[in-house]
C-alpha atoms as a PDB file:
ATOM      1  CA  MET A   1      79.505 104.575 109.072  1.00  0.00           C
ATOM      2  CA  SER A   2      78.508 108.021 107.857  1.00  0.00           C
ATOM      3  CA  LEU A   3      75.926 108.186 105.085  1.00  0.00           C
ATOM      4  CA  SER A   4      78.243 110.654 103.315  1.00  0.00           C
ATOM      5  CA  ALA A   5      81.168 108.219 103.219  1.00  0.00           C
ATOM      6  CA  VAL A   6      81.898 104.638 102.168  1.00  0.00           C
ATOM      7  CA  LYS A   7      84.622 102.173 103.125  1.00  0.00           C
ATOM      8  CA  VAL A   8      86.974 101.888 100.154  1.00  0.00           C
ATOM      9  CA  CYS A   9      89.533  99.168  99.520  1.00  0.00           C
ATOM     10  CA  GLU A  10      91.190 100.721  96.454  1.00  0.00           C
ATOM     11  CA  ILE A  11      90.681 103.128  93.560  1.00  0.00           C
ATOM     12  CA  PHE A  12      92.653 102.625  90.362  1.00  0.00           C
ATOM     13  CA  ALA A  13      92.518 103.046  86.599  1.00  0.00           C
ATOM     14  CA  SER A  14      92.775 100.019  84.330  1.00  0.00           C
ATOM     15  CA  ILE A  15      91.133  98.237  81.409  1.00  0.00           C
ATOM     16  CA  GLN A  16      87.922  96.329  82.090  1.00  0.00           C
ATOM     17  CA  GLY A  17      89.026  92.708  81.885  1.00  0.00           C
ATOM     18  CA  GLU A  18      85.733  90.848  82.057  1.00  0.00           C
ATOM     19  CA  GLY A  19      82.046  90.965  81.224  1.00  0.00           C
ATOM     20  CA  LEU A  20      80.207  92.861  78.514  1.00  0.00           C
ATOM     21  CA  ARG A  21      82.492  95.913  78.625  1.00  0.00           C
ATOM     22  CA  VAL A  22      85.782  94.047  78.350  1.00  0.00           C
ATOM     23  CA  GLY A  23      88.494  96.278  76.888  1.00  0.00           C
ATOM     24  CA  GLU A  24      87.001  99.570  78.123  1.00  0.00           C
ATOM     25  CA  PRO A  25      89.355 101.947  80.005  1.00  0.00           C
ATOM     26  CA  SER A  26      87.747 102.568  83.397  1.00  0.00           C
ATOM     27  CA  VAL A  27      88.274 103.736  86.943  1.00  0.00           C
ATOM     28  CA  PHE A  28      87.632 100.969  89.448  1.00  0.00           C
ATOM     29  CA  LEU A  29      86.145 101.821  92.827  1.00  0.00           C
ATOM     30  CA  ARG A  30      86.591  98.688  94.919  1.00  0.00           C
ATOM     31  CA  LEU A  31      84.590  98.776  98.147  1.00  0.00           C
ATOM     32  CA  SER A  32      85.410  96.787 101.266  1.00  0.00           C
ATOM     33  CA  GLY A  33      83.528  93.832 102.692  1.00  0.00           C
ATOM     34  CA  CYS A  34      81.900  90.692 101.329  1.00  0.00           C
ATOM     35  CA  ASN A  35      79.053  88.444 102.447  1.00  0.00           C
ATOM     36  CA  LEU A  36      80.135  85.337 100.493  1.00  0.00           C
ATOM     37  CA  LYS A  37      83.947  85.092 100.756  1.00  0.00           C
ATOM     38  CA  CYS A  38      84.233  82.485  98.047  1.00  0.00           C
ATOM     39  CA  VAL A  39      86.956  79.863  98.053  1.00  0.00           C
ATOM     40  CA  MET A  40      88.111  80.947  94.583  1.00  0.00           C
ATOM     41  CA  CYS A  41      88.043  84.719  95.233  1.00  0.00           C
ATOM     42  CA  ASP A  42      90.977  86.558  93.653  1.00  0.00           C
ATOM     43  CA  THR A  43      90.432  89.772  95.650  1.00  0.00           C
ATOM     44  CA  ARG A  44      90.408  88.407  99.183  1.00  0.00           C
ATOM     45  CA  TYR A  45      92.175  91.505 100.446  1.00  0.00           C
ATOM     46  CA  SER A  46      88.923  93.416  99.843  1.00  0.00           C
ATOM     47  CA  TRP A  47      87.088  91.407 102.494  1.00  0.00           C
ATOM     48  CA  ASN A  48      88.618  93.357 105.383  1.00  0.00           C
ATOM     49  CA  GLU A  49      91.014  96.012 104.093  1.00  0.00           C
ATOM     50  CA  GLY A  50      89.800  99.533 103.552  1.00  0.00           C
ATOM     51  CA  LYS A  51      89.446 103.096 104.735  1.00  0.00           C
ATOM     52  CA  GLU A  52      86.369 105.255 105.106  1.00  0.00           C
ATOM     53  CA  LEU A  53      86.485 108.052 102.539  1.00  0.00           C
ATOM     54  CA  SER A  54      84.112 110.964 102.073  1.00  0.00           C
ATOM     55  CA  TYR A  55      82.173 111.457  98.866  1.00  0.00           C
ATOM     56  CA  ASP A  56      84.350 114.462  97.986  1.00  0.00           C
ATOM     57  CA  GLU A  57      87.587 112.507  98.511  1.00  0.00           C
ATOM     58  CA  ILE A  58      86.348 109.706  96.277  1.00  0.00           C
ATOM     59  CA  LEU A  59      85.147 112.096  93.579  1.00  0.00           C
ATOM     60  CA  GLU A  60      88.491 113.911  93.559  1.00  0.00           C
ATOM     61  CA  ARG A  61      90.476 110.679  93.217  1.00  0.00           C
ATOM     62  CA  ILE A  62      88.222 109.295  90.482  1.00  0.00           C
ATOM     63  CA  ALA A  63      88.312 112.566  88.531  1.00  0.00           C
ATOM     64  CA  SER A  64      92.127 112.653  88.686  1.00  0.00           C
ATOM     65  CA  PHE A  65      92.385 109.740  86.217  1.00  0.00           C
ATOM     66  CA  GLY A  66      90.627 111.633  83.431  1.00  0.00           C
ATOM     67  CA  LEU A  67      88.293 108.752  82.526  1.00  0.00           C
ATOM     68  CA  LYS A  68      84.496 108.865  82.431  1.00  0.00           C
ATOM     69  CA  SER A  69      83.703 105.165  82.950  1.00  0.00           C
ATOM     70  CA  VAL A  70      83.536 104.064  86.600  1.00  0.00           C
ATOM     71  CA  VAL A  71      83.144 100.453  87.738  1.00  0.00           C
ATOM     72  CA  ILE A  72      81.912  99.948  91.315  1.00  0.00           C
ATOM     73  CA  THR A  73      82.979  96.557  92.601  1.00  0.00           C
ATOM     74  CA  GLY A  74      84.163  94.677  95.680  1.00  0.00           C
ATOM     75  CA  GLY A  75      83.934  92.523  97.663  1.00  0.00           C
ATOM     76  CA  GLU A  76      80.216  93.088  97.555  1.00  0.00           C
ATOM     77  CA  PRO A  77      79.489  96.809  97.017  1.00  0.00           C
ATOM     78  CA  LEU A  78      75.783  96.593  97.854  1.00  0.00           C
ATOM     79  CA  LEU A  79      76.624  95.825 101.482  1.00  0.00           C
ATOM     80  CA  GLN A  80      77.108  99.621 101.668  1.00  0.00           C
ATOM     81  CA  ARG A  81      74.043 100.422  99.566  1.00  0.00           C
ATOM     82  CA  LYS A  82      72.604 103.092 101.872  1.00  0.00           C
ATOM     83  CA  SER A  83      75.861 105.037 101.954  1.00  0.00           C
ATOM     84  CA  LEU A  84      76.563 104.287  98.302  1.00  0.00           C
ATOM     85  CA  LEU A  85      73.387 105.923  96.978  1.00  0.00           C
ATOM     86  CA  GLY A  86      74.503 109.495  97.618  1.00  0.00           C
ATOM     87  CA  LEU A  87      77.914 108.840  96.086  1.00  0.00           C
ATOM     88  CA  VAL A  88      76.369 107.362  92.956  1.00  0.00           C
ATOM     89  CA  LYS A  89      74.142 110.410  92.534  1.00  0.00           C
ATOM     90  CA  LEU A  90      77.173 112.705  92.955  1.00  0.00           C
ATOM     91  CA  LEU A  91      79.198 110.801  90.355  1.00  0.00           C
ATOM     92  CA  LYS A  92      76.335 110.933  87.862  1.00  0.00           C
ATOM     93  CA  GLU A  93      75.940 114.677  88.452  1.00  0.00           C
ATOM     94  CA  ASN A  94      79.613 115.018  87.500  1.00  0.00           C
ATOM     95  CA  GLY A  95      79.177 113.223  84.198  1.00  0.00           C
ATOM     96  CA  PHE A  96      80.511 109.755  84.974  1.00  0.00           C
ATOM     97  CA  THR A  97      79.143 106.608  83.324  1.00  0.00           C
ATOM     98  CA  LEU A  98      78.568 104.006  86.037  1.00  0.00           C
ATOM     99  CA  SER A  99      78.396 100.246  86.241  1.00  0.00           C
ATOM    100  CA  ILE A 100      78.320  97.931  89.242  1.00  0.00           C
ATOM    101  CA  GLU A 101      79.284  94.313  89.857  1.00  0.00           C
ATOM    102  CA  THR A 102      77.302  92.413  92.489  1.00  0.00           C
ATOM    103  CA  ASN A 103      76.914  88.789  93.553  1.00  0.00           C
ATOM    104  CA  GLY A 104      73.121  89.083  93.428  1.00  0.00           C
ATOM    105  CA  THR A 105      72.462  88.259  97.079  1.00  0.00           C
ATOM    106  CA  ILE A 106      70.994  91.663  97.998  1.00  0.00           C
ATOM    107  CA  ALA A 107      67.779  92.842  96.342  1.00  0.00           C
ATOM    108  CA  ASP A 108      66.047  95.090  98.853  1.00  0.00           C
ATOM    109  CA  GLU A 109      64.724  98.538  97.957  1.00  0.00           C
ATOM    110  CA  PRO A 110      67.964 100.494  98.669  1.00  0.00           C
ATOM    111  CA  ALA A 111      69.987  98.011  96.593  1.00  0.00           C
ATOM    112  CA  VAL A 112      67.587  98.260  93.668  1.00  0.00           C
ATOM    113  CA  GLU A 113      67.592 102.057  93.941  1.00  0.00           C
ATOM    114  CA  VAL A 114      71.387 102.110  93.588  1.00  0.00           C
ATOM    115  CA  CYS A 115      71.329  99.670  90.683  1.00  0.00           C
ATOM    116  CA  LYS A 116      68.702 101.654  88.765  1.00  0.00           C
ATOM    117  CA  LEU A 117      71.175 104.542  88.547  1.00  0.00           C
ATOM    118  CA  MET A 118      73.671 102.352  86.673  1.00  0.00           C
ATOM    119  CA  GLU A 119      74.133 102.032  82.938  1.00  0.00           C
ATOM    120  CA  LEU A 120      75.045  98.372  83.482  1.00  0.00           C
ATOM    121  CA  VAL A 121      74.534  95.991  86.405  1.00  0.00           C
ATOM    122  CA  THR A 122      76.588  92.804  86.220  1.00  0.00           C
ATOM    123  CA  ILE A 123      75.099  90.136  88.466  1.00  0.00           C
ATOM    124  CA  SER A 124      77.634  87.410  89.146  1.00  0.00           C
ATOM    125  CA  PRO A 125      75.937  84.623  91.137  1.00  0.00           C
ATOM    126  CA  LYS A 126      78.247  82.053  92.687  1.00  0.00           C
ATOM    127  CA  ILE A 127      77.346  78.377  92.489  1.00  0.00           C
ATOM    128  CA  THR A 128      77.732  76.364  95.683  1.00  0.00           C
ATOM    129  CA  SER A 129      81.126  74.928  94.704  1.00  0.00           C
ATOM    130  CA  PHE A 130      82.494  78.496  94.773  1.00  0.00           C
ATOM    131  CA  SER A 131      80.881  80.000  97.832  1.00  0.00           C
ATOM    132  CA  GLY A 132      80.038  76.997  99.986  1.00  0.00           C
ATOM    133  CA  LYS A 133      76.575  78.543 100.381  1.00  0.00           C
ATOM    134  CA  VAL A 134      73.195  77.830  98.849  1.00  0.00           C
ATOM    135  CA  LEU A 135      72.506  79.917  95.745  1.00  0.00           C
ATOM    136  CA  HIS A 136      69.220  81.778  96.232  1.00  0.00           C
ATOM    137  CA  LEU A 137      67.980  82.254  92.681  1.00  0.00           C
ATOM    138  CA  ASN A 138      64.870  84.102  93.856  1.00  0.00           C
ATOM    139  CA  THR A 139      67.020  87.093  94.828  1.00  0.00           C
ATOM    140  CA  VAL A 140      68.862  87.043  91.507  1.00  0.00           C
ATOM    141  CA  CYS A 141      65.563  86.784  89.624  1.00  0.00           C
ATOM    142  CA  LYS A 142      64.139  89.725  91.569  1.00  0.00           C
ATOM    143  CA  LEU A 143      67.071  91.887  90.484  1.00  0.00           C
ATOM    144  CA  LEU A 144      66.668  90.761  86.888  1.00  0.00           C
ATOM    145  CA  GLU A 145      62.997  91.704  86.960  1.00  0.00           C
ATOM    146  CA  GLU A 146      63.638  95.109  88.547  1.00  0.00           C
ATOM    147  CA  LEU A 147      66.556  96.094  86.314  1.00  0.00           C
ATOM    148  CA  LYS A 148      65.293  94.938  82.911  1.00  0.00           C
ATOM    149  CA  ASN A 149      67.525  96.106  80.041  1.00  0.00           C
ATOM    150  CA  ARG A 150      70.461  97.346  82.118  1.00  0.00           C
ATOM    151  CA  VAL A 151      71.577  93.962  83.471  1.00  0.00           C
ATOM    152  CA  CYS A 152      73.647  90.925  82.526  1.00  0.00           C
ATOM    153  CA  LEU A 153      74.479  87.619  84.217  1.00  0.00           C
ATOM    154  CA  LYS A 154      78.120  86.614  84.635  1.00  0.00           C
ATOM    155  CA  TRP A 155      78.890  83.102  85.887  1.00  0.00           C
ATOM    156  CA  PRO A 156      82.432  82.148  86.957  1.00  0.00           C
ATOM    157  CA  ILE A 157      83.248  78.482  86.385  1.00  0.00           C
ATOM    158  CA  LEU A 158      86.193  76.168  86.926  1.00  0.00           C
ATOM    159  CA  SER A 159      85.202  72.906  85.276  1.00  0.00           C
ATOM    160  CA  ARG A 160      82.959  71.178  82.759  1.00  0.00           C
ATOM    161  CA  GLU A 161      80.774  70.171  85.722  1.00  0.00           C
ATOM    162  CA  ASP A 162      80.415  73.831  86.739  1.00  0.00           C
ATOM    163  CA  PHE A 163      79.486  74.636  83.156  1.00  0.00           C
ATOM    164  CA  GLU A 164      76.697  72.061  83.219  1.00  0.00           C
ATOM    165  CA  VAL A 165      75.378  73.421  86.520  1.00  0.00           C
ATOM    166  CA  VAL A 166      75.309  76.983  85.178  1.00  0.00           C
ATOM    167  CA  ALA A 167      73.600  75.940  81.952  1.00  0.00           C
ATOM    168  CA  GLU A 168      70.887  74.149  83.931  1.00  0.00           C
ATOM    169  CA  LEU A 169      70.396  77.159  86.213  1.00  0.00           C
ATOM    170  CA  VAL A 170      70.104  79.552  83.276  1.00  0.00           C
ATOM    171  CA  GLU A 171      67.574  77.230  81.690  1.00  0.00           C
ATOM    172  CA  ASP A 172      65.558  77.044  84.937  1.00  0.00           C
ATOM    173  CA  MET A 173      65.573  80.843  85.235  1.00  0.00           C
ATOM    174  CA  ASP A 174      64.103  81.174  81.754  1.00  0.00           C
ATOM    175  CA  VAL A 175      65.880  84.470  81.088  1.00  0.00           C
ATOM    176  CA  GLY A 176      65.464  84.111  77.332  1.00  0.00           C
ATOM    177  CA  GLY A 177      67.444  86.334  75.014  1.00  0.00           C
ATOM    178  CA  ASP A 178      66.722  89.544  76.901  1.00  0.00           C
ATOM    179  CA  VAL A 179      69.505  89.064  79.452  1.00  0.00           C
ATOM    180  CA  PRO A 180      73.075  88.584  78.190  1.00  0.00           C
ATOM    181  CA  VAL A 181      74.733  85.555  79.811  1.00  0.00           C
ATOM    182  CA  VAL A 182      78.511  85.591  80.238  1.00  0.00           C
ATOM    183  CA  VAL A 183      80.403  82.427  81.183  1.00  0.00           C
ATOM    184  CA  GLN A 184      83.792  83.226  82.692  1.00  0.00           C
ATOM    185  CA  PRO A 185      86.612  80.748  83.375  1.00  0.00           C
ATOM    186  CA  ALA A 186      87.802  81.847  86.787  1.00  0.00           C
ATOM    187  CA  PHE A 187      91.357  82.312  87.987  1.00  0.00           C
ATOM    188  CA  VAL A 188      92.401  80.184  90.962  1.00  0.00           C
ATOM    189  CA  PRO A 189      94.758  82.051  93.321  1.00  0.00           C
ATOM    190  CA  GLY A 190      98.140  80.330  93.390  1.00  0.00           C
ATOM    191  CA  GLU A 191      97.799  78.379  90.144  1.00  0.00           C
ATOM    192  CA  SER A 192     100.334  78.696  87.338  1.00  0.00           C
ATOM    193  CA  PHE A 193      99.713  80.660  84.162  1.00  0.00           C
ATOM    194  CA  ASP A 194      99.958  77.476  82.078  1.00  0.00           C
ATOM    195  CA  ASP A 195      97.348  75.739  84.240  1.00  0.00           C
ATOM    196  CA  TYR A 196      94.954  78.650  83.916  1.00  0.00           C
ATOM    197  CA  LEU A 197      95.433  78.872  80.161  1.00  0.00           C
ATOM    198  CA  GLU A 198      94.906  75.131  79.729  1.00  0.00           C
ATOM    199  CA  ARG A 199      91.670  75.277  81.704  1.00  0.00           C
ATOM    200  CA  VAL A 200      90.447  78.176  79.571  1.00  0.00           C
ATOM    201  CA  ARG A 201      91.172  76.140  76.438  1.00  0.00           C
ATOM    202  CA  LEU A 202      89.349  73.064  77.732  1.00  0.00           C
ATOM    203  CA  LEU A 203      86.295  75.087  78.748  1.00  0.00           C
ATOM    204  CA  TRP A 204      86.361  76.940  75.423  1.00  0.00           C
ATOM    205  CA  LYS A 205      86.067  73.625  73.608  1.00  0.00           C
ATOM    206  CA  ALA A 206      83.257  72.415  75.891  1.00  0.00           C
ATOM    207  CA  ALA A 207      81.224  75.631  75.750  1.00  0.00           C
ATOM    208  CA  PRO A 208      79.288  75.190  72.496  1.00  0.00           C
ATOM    209  CA  GLU A 209      78.203  71.639  73.321  1.00  0.00           C
ATOM    210  CA  VAL A 210      77.080  72.458  76.861  1.00  0.00           C
ATOM    211  CA  PHE A 211      74.824  75.335  75.842  1.00  0.00           C
ATOM    212  CA  ARG A 212      73.776  74.072  72.426  1.00  0.00           C
ATOM    213  CA  LYS A 213      72.048  71.001  73.814  1.00  0.00           C
ATOM    214  CA  ARG A 214      69.785  73.338  75.800  1.00  0.00           C
ATOM    215  CA  ARG A 215      69.506  75.860  72.970  1.00  0.00           C
ATOM    216  CA  LEU A 216      70.815  78.633  75.177  1.00  0.00           C
ATOM    217  CA  SER A 217      72.844  81.651  74.093  1.00  0.00           C
ATOM    218  CA  PHE A 218      75.890  82.877  75.961  1.00  0.00           C
ATOM    219  CA  ARG A 219      79.217  84.718  75.675  1.00  0.00           C
ATOM    220  CA  PHE A 220      82.443  82.988  76.700  1.00  0.00           C
ATOM    221  CA  ILE A 221      84.803  85.647  78.084  1.00  0.00           C
ATOM    222  CA  PRO A 222      87.947  84.725  80.078  1.00  0.00           C
ATOM    223  CA  GLN A 223      89.416  87.184  82.590  1.00  0.00           C
ATOM    224  CA  LEU A 224      91.528  89.232  80.205  1.00  0.00           C
ATOM    225  CA  HIS A 225      93.313  91.150  82.961  1.00  0.00           C
ATOM    226  CA  ARG A 226      94.466  87.862  84.489  1.00  0.00           C
ATOM    227  CA  LEU A 227      95.963  86.793  81.183  1.00  0.00           C
ATOM    228  CA  VAL A 228      97.777  90.107  80.756  1.00  0.00           C
ATOM    229  CA  PHE A 229      98.788  90.705  84.403  1.00  0.00           C
ATOM    230  CA  PHE A 230      98.883  87.167  85.706  1.00  0.00           C
ATOM    231  CA  ASP A 231     101.417  87.821  88.464  1.00  0.00           C
ATOM    232  CA  ILE A 232      99.923  91.109  89.685  1.00  0.00           C
ATOM    233  CA  GLU A 233      97.224  90.844  92.353  1.00  0.00           C
ATOM    234  CA  ARG A 234      96.001  94.414  92.737  1.00  0.00           C
ATOM    235  CA  GLY A 235      95.239  97.432  90.622  1.00  0.00           C
ATOM    236  CA  VAL A 236      94.500  95.589  87.374  1.00  0.00           C
END
């Protein structure tokens, strides 16, 4: 792939539905490819679909929406970190505010260089029940150390058991109050709206107890876009 192009799955304008910037109108640049391919992924189409677009093509499409906030997501966007760097610099030169969402599995120098150009880096590690793979906390911790005040942790969960696992991991990482921790009830592809809403309610009730017993702070933020556009898979 050319270093002046990236493989793009989709570009669309919507409202940020999760994480620290929930509710913010943004342009979403979804890149193709993923190195985890989690069982509970709700954007599986991004694993393989996509088209190589030049920096100029991407800039033109992003600018057409008239919004200044751009969210770079996937898939796993840092798989294309070497090609992505030039695009990020171009977007910043054109006045866009950038954030990126990553699973925290890539922390080499090019990945860190890309992330340091962001206003916000959302690291969303996946526990083993999601990805089927071992969670390498050392990589996540390296990113946290490198990125300091521009980073947050976002943990998708499905059950009370997942909640307990995440709370223990956060405690082991000793992130303190410097890193915002978001706990996010995840959507399961194919489930009904009522089932999703009931699970959100159950986890909402469990949240204070799970974290309070470890004296940890967190934010409980469901996937707002899934509640609003439950039956729409793409472009939300």
